[in-house]
């Protein structure tokens, strides 16, 4: 059995639910898992020893939320000490046609910089939930102009498969 911390930053609970799902899949595969939300000053119990780390955040304006980005920057020296996986939750699946294809291929510089710092075994990219009330007036207008769709765009099968891949890797 491997002890895994799943740490996440979420604003509208979509990323939290994905982190919970990843944790549950790891538990189903026989691992001990602790799941914790990152806060602006996350110096909490995650610092206890673990065998692995899964770290994720919602993506807003092409960047991880400040708590997650700050966590990576403040703990860069420790993150190389254990196997680590990262995941980002954005709105790619809300886009249509060529915009979706472009977004799937796009590298977001601020996230890429975090990936470079952590050097995770894998970086999963998932879509989350987007509702009208999540956007300000300008954001909602842009969302409509781009032909995006509100709703729950999470692909639970892909999330489960990603978590199961982590579990298999932890078993070896």
Protein backbone atom coordinates (compact mmCIF):
# COMPACT_ATOMS: atom_id res chain seq x y z
CA UNK A 1 0.00 0.00 0.00
CA UNK A 2 1.25 3.45 -0.96
CA UNK A 3 0.35 6.63 0.95
CA UNK A 4 -0.78 9.37 -1.46
CA UNK A 5 -1.71 13.00 -0.88
CA UNK A 6 -4.18 14.44 -3.39
CA UNK A 7 -3.97 18.23 -3.16
CA UNK A 8 -6.14 20.56 -5.24
CA UNK A 9 -7.32 24.14 -5.71
CA UNK A 10 -10.92 24.62 -6.79
CA UNK A 11 -13.17 27.62 -7.04
CA UNK A 12 -16.54 26.16 -8.08
CA UNK A 13 -16.13 22.58 -6.76
CA UNK A 14 -15.60 20.89 -10.15
CA UNK A 15 -11.88 20.35 -9.51
CA UNK A 16 -12.64 19.28 -5.95
CA UNK A 17 -14.97 16.57 -7.25
CA UNK A 18 -12.32 15.41 -9.72
CA UNK A 19 -9.72 15.27 -6.91
CA UNK A 20 -12.19 13.26 -4.80
CA UNK A 21 -12.76 10.86 -7.70
CA UNK A 22 -9.02 10.39 -8.24
CA UNK A 23 -8.59 9.71 -4.53
CA UNK A 24 -11.42 7.18 -4.53
CA UNK A 25 -9.94 5.35 -7.53
CA UNK A 26 -6.57 5.18 -5.79
CA UNK A 27 -8.29 3.79 -2.66
CA UNK A 28 -10.11 1.19 -4.76
CA UNK A 29 -6.68 0.11 -5.98
CA UNK A 30 -5.52 -0.46 -2.40
CA UNK A 31 -3.71 2.78 -1.59
CA UNK A 32 -4.08 5.02 1.46
CA UNK A 33 -5.19 8.47 0.30
CA UNK A 34 -5.60 11.84 1.97
CA UNK A 35 -7.35 14.58 0.00
CA UNK A 36 -6.90 18.24 0.91
CA UNK A 37 -7.82 21.59 -0.58
CA UNK A 38 -4.95 24.02 -1.02
CA UNK A 39 -5.42 27.40 0.58
CA UNK A 40 -3.38 30.57 0.24
CA UNK A 41 -1.12 29.38 3.08
CA UNK A 42 -1.23 25.59 2.78
CA UNK A 43 1.34 24.47 5.29
CA UNK A 44 -1.06 21.93 6.73
CA UNK A 45 -0.87 18.22 7.38
CA UNK A 46 0.17 17.35 3.82
CA UNK A 47 3.72 17.89 5.02
CA UNK A 48 3.57 14.54 6.76
CA UNK A 49 5.54 11.95 4.82
CA UNK A 50 3.90 10.35 1.83
CA UNK A 51 4.98 8.06 -0.94
CA UNK A 52 3.36 10.04 -3.75
CA UNK A 53 1.57 13.28 -4.56
CA UNK A 54 -1.23 14.14 -6.96
CA UNK A 55 -1.55 17.89 -7.40
CA UNK A 56 -4.27 19.69 -9.35
CA UNK A 57 -5.99 22.99 -9.96
CA UNK A 58 -8.75 24.65 -11.85
CA UNK A 59 -7.47 26.77 -14.73
CA UNK A 60 -8.59 30.40 -14.91
CA UNK A 61 -7.23 32.76 -17.55
CA UNK A 62 -4.58 30.24 -18.59
CA UNK A 63 -3.16 29.74 -15.10
CA UNK A 64 -3.61 27.58 -12.03
CA UNK A 65 -5.42 29.20 -9.12
CA UNK A 66 -3.10 31.24 -6.87
CA UNK A 67 -3.15 28.72 -3.99
CA UNK A 68 -1.92 25.91 -6.27
CA UNK A 69 0.60 28.04 -8.10
CA UNK A 70 1.91 29.34 -4.79
CA UNK A 71 2.12 25.82 -3.42
CA UNK A 72 4.34 24.73 -6.31
CA UNK A 73 6.57 27.78 -6.03
CA UNK A 74 6.87 27.51 -2.23
CA UNK A 75 7.58 23.78 -2.25
CA UNK A 76 9.61 23.31 -5.42
CA UNK A 77 12.53 21.83 -3.49
CA UNK A 78 10.34 19.14 -1.86
CA UNK A 79 8.31 18.18 -4.92
CA UNK A 80 11.17 16.27 -6.50
CA UNK A 81 11.45 13.96 -3.47
CA UNK A 82 8.49 11.75 -4.40
CA UNK A 83 6.57 10.57 -7.46
CA UNK A 84 4.21 13.37 -8.43
CA UNK A 85 1.35 13.71 -10.91
CA UNK A 86 -0.38 16.94 -11.88
CA UNK A 87 -3.80 17.67 -13.34
CA UNK A 88 -5.43 20.79 -14.71
CA UNK A 89 -9.16 21.38 -15.06
CA UNK A 90 -10.24 23.84 -17.74
CA UNK A 91 -13.03 24.38 -20.22
CA UNK A 92 -11.64 22.85 -23.41
CA UNK A 93 -14.66 20.56 -23.89
CA UNK A 94 -16.99 23.58 -23.74
CA UNK A 95 -15.46 24.84 -26.99
CA UNK A 96 -16.67 23.72 -30.41
CA UNK A 97 -14.96 22.68 -33.62
CA UNK A 98 -11.58 24.13 -34.52
CA UNK A 99 -11.39 26.18 -31.30
CA UNK A 100 -11.60 22.99 -29.28
CA UNK A 101 -8.87 21.34 -31.36
CA UNK A 102 -6.68 24.42 -30.94
CA UNK A 103 -7.28 24.54 -27.17
CA UNK A 104 -6.43 20.84 -26.82
CA UNK A 105 -3.05 21.47 -28.42
CA UNK A 106 -2.35 24.80 -26.75
CA UNK A 107 0.38 25.10 -24.15
CA UNK A 108 -0.41 27.63 -21.44
CA UNK A 109 2.91 29.23 -20.45
CA UNK A 110 2.18 29.70 -16.74
CA UNK A 111 1.06 26.09 -16.37
CA UNK A 112 3.96 24.84 -18.48
CA UNK A 113 6.33 26.69 -16.12
CA UNK A 114 4.81 24.85 -13.13
CA UNK A 115 5.11 21.53 -14.93
CA UNK A 116 8.76 22.34 -15.59
CA UNK A 117 9.33 23.03 -11.88
CA UNK A 118 7.58 19.86 -10.68
CA UNK A 119 8.55 17.51 -13.52
CA UNK A 120 5.60 15.21 -12.82
CA UNK A 121 5.30 11.69 -14.12
CA UNK A 122 2.23 12.89 -16.00
CA UNK A 123 0.09 15.99 -16.38
CA UNK A 124 -3.58 15.18 -16.97
CA UNK A 125 -5.75 17.81 -18.64
CA UNK A 126 -9.48 17.55 -18.02
CA UNK A 127 -12.54 19.67 -18.61
CA UNK A 128 -14.77 20.72 -15.76
CA UNK A 129 -18.13 22.34 -15.17
CA UNK A 130 -18.90 25.79 -16.51
CA UNK A 131 -22.08 27.65 -15.59
CA UNK A 132 -23.24 31.15 -16.45
CA UNK A 133 -22.80 32.30 -12.84
CA UNK A 134 -19.11 31.35 -12.98
CA UNK A 135 -18.41 34.16 -15.43
CA UNK A 136 -18.55 37.92 -15.13
CA UNK A 137 -20.43 39.89 -17.78
CA UNK A 138 -17.41 40.24 -20.07
CA UNK A 139 -16.53 36.56 -19.71
CA UNK A 140 -20.09 35.46 -20.47
CA UNK A 141 -20.16 37.61 -23.60
CA UNK A 142 -16.86 36.17 -24.83
CA UNK A 143 -18.09 32.67 -23.99
CA UNK A 144 -21.17 33.18 -26.17
CA UNK A 145 -19.20 34.76 -29.01
CA UNK A 146 -16.91 31.73 -29.08
CA UNK A 147 -19.94 29.44 -29.34
CA UNK A 148 -19.15 27.67 -26.09
CA UNK A 149 -21.59 25.46 -24.22
CA UNK A 150 -22.37 25.67 -20.52
CA UNK A 151 -22.60 22.41 -18.59
CA UNK A 152 -20.72 19.57 -16.99
CA UNK A 153 -17.99 18.55 -19.43
CA UNK A 154 -16.11 16.15 -17.17
CA UNK A 155 -15.13 12.87 -18.81
CA UNK A 156 -15.30 10.53 -15.83
CA UNK A 157 -14.03 7.56 -17.84
CA UNK A 158 -10.87 9.48 -18.78
CA UNK A 159 -10.41 10.65 -15.18
CA UNK A 160 -10.85 7.10 -13.86
CA UNK A 161 -8.41 5.73 -16.45
CA UNK A 162 -5.83 8.38 -15.50
CA UNK A 163 -6.18 7.57 -11.79
CA UNK A 164 -5.97 3.84 -12.51
CA UNK A 165 -2.75 4.46 -14.48
CA UNK A 166 -1.33 6.23 -11.42
CA UNK A 167 -2.33 3.30 -9.21
CA UNK A 168 -0.66 0.81 -11.57
CA UNK A 169 2.51 2.88 -11.60
CA UNK A 170 2.49 3.06 -7.80
CA UNK A 171 2.18 -0.72 -7.64
CA UNK A 172 5.40 -1.26 -9.61
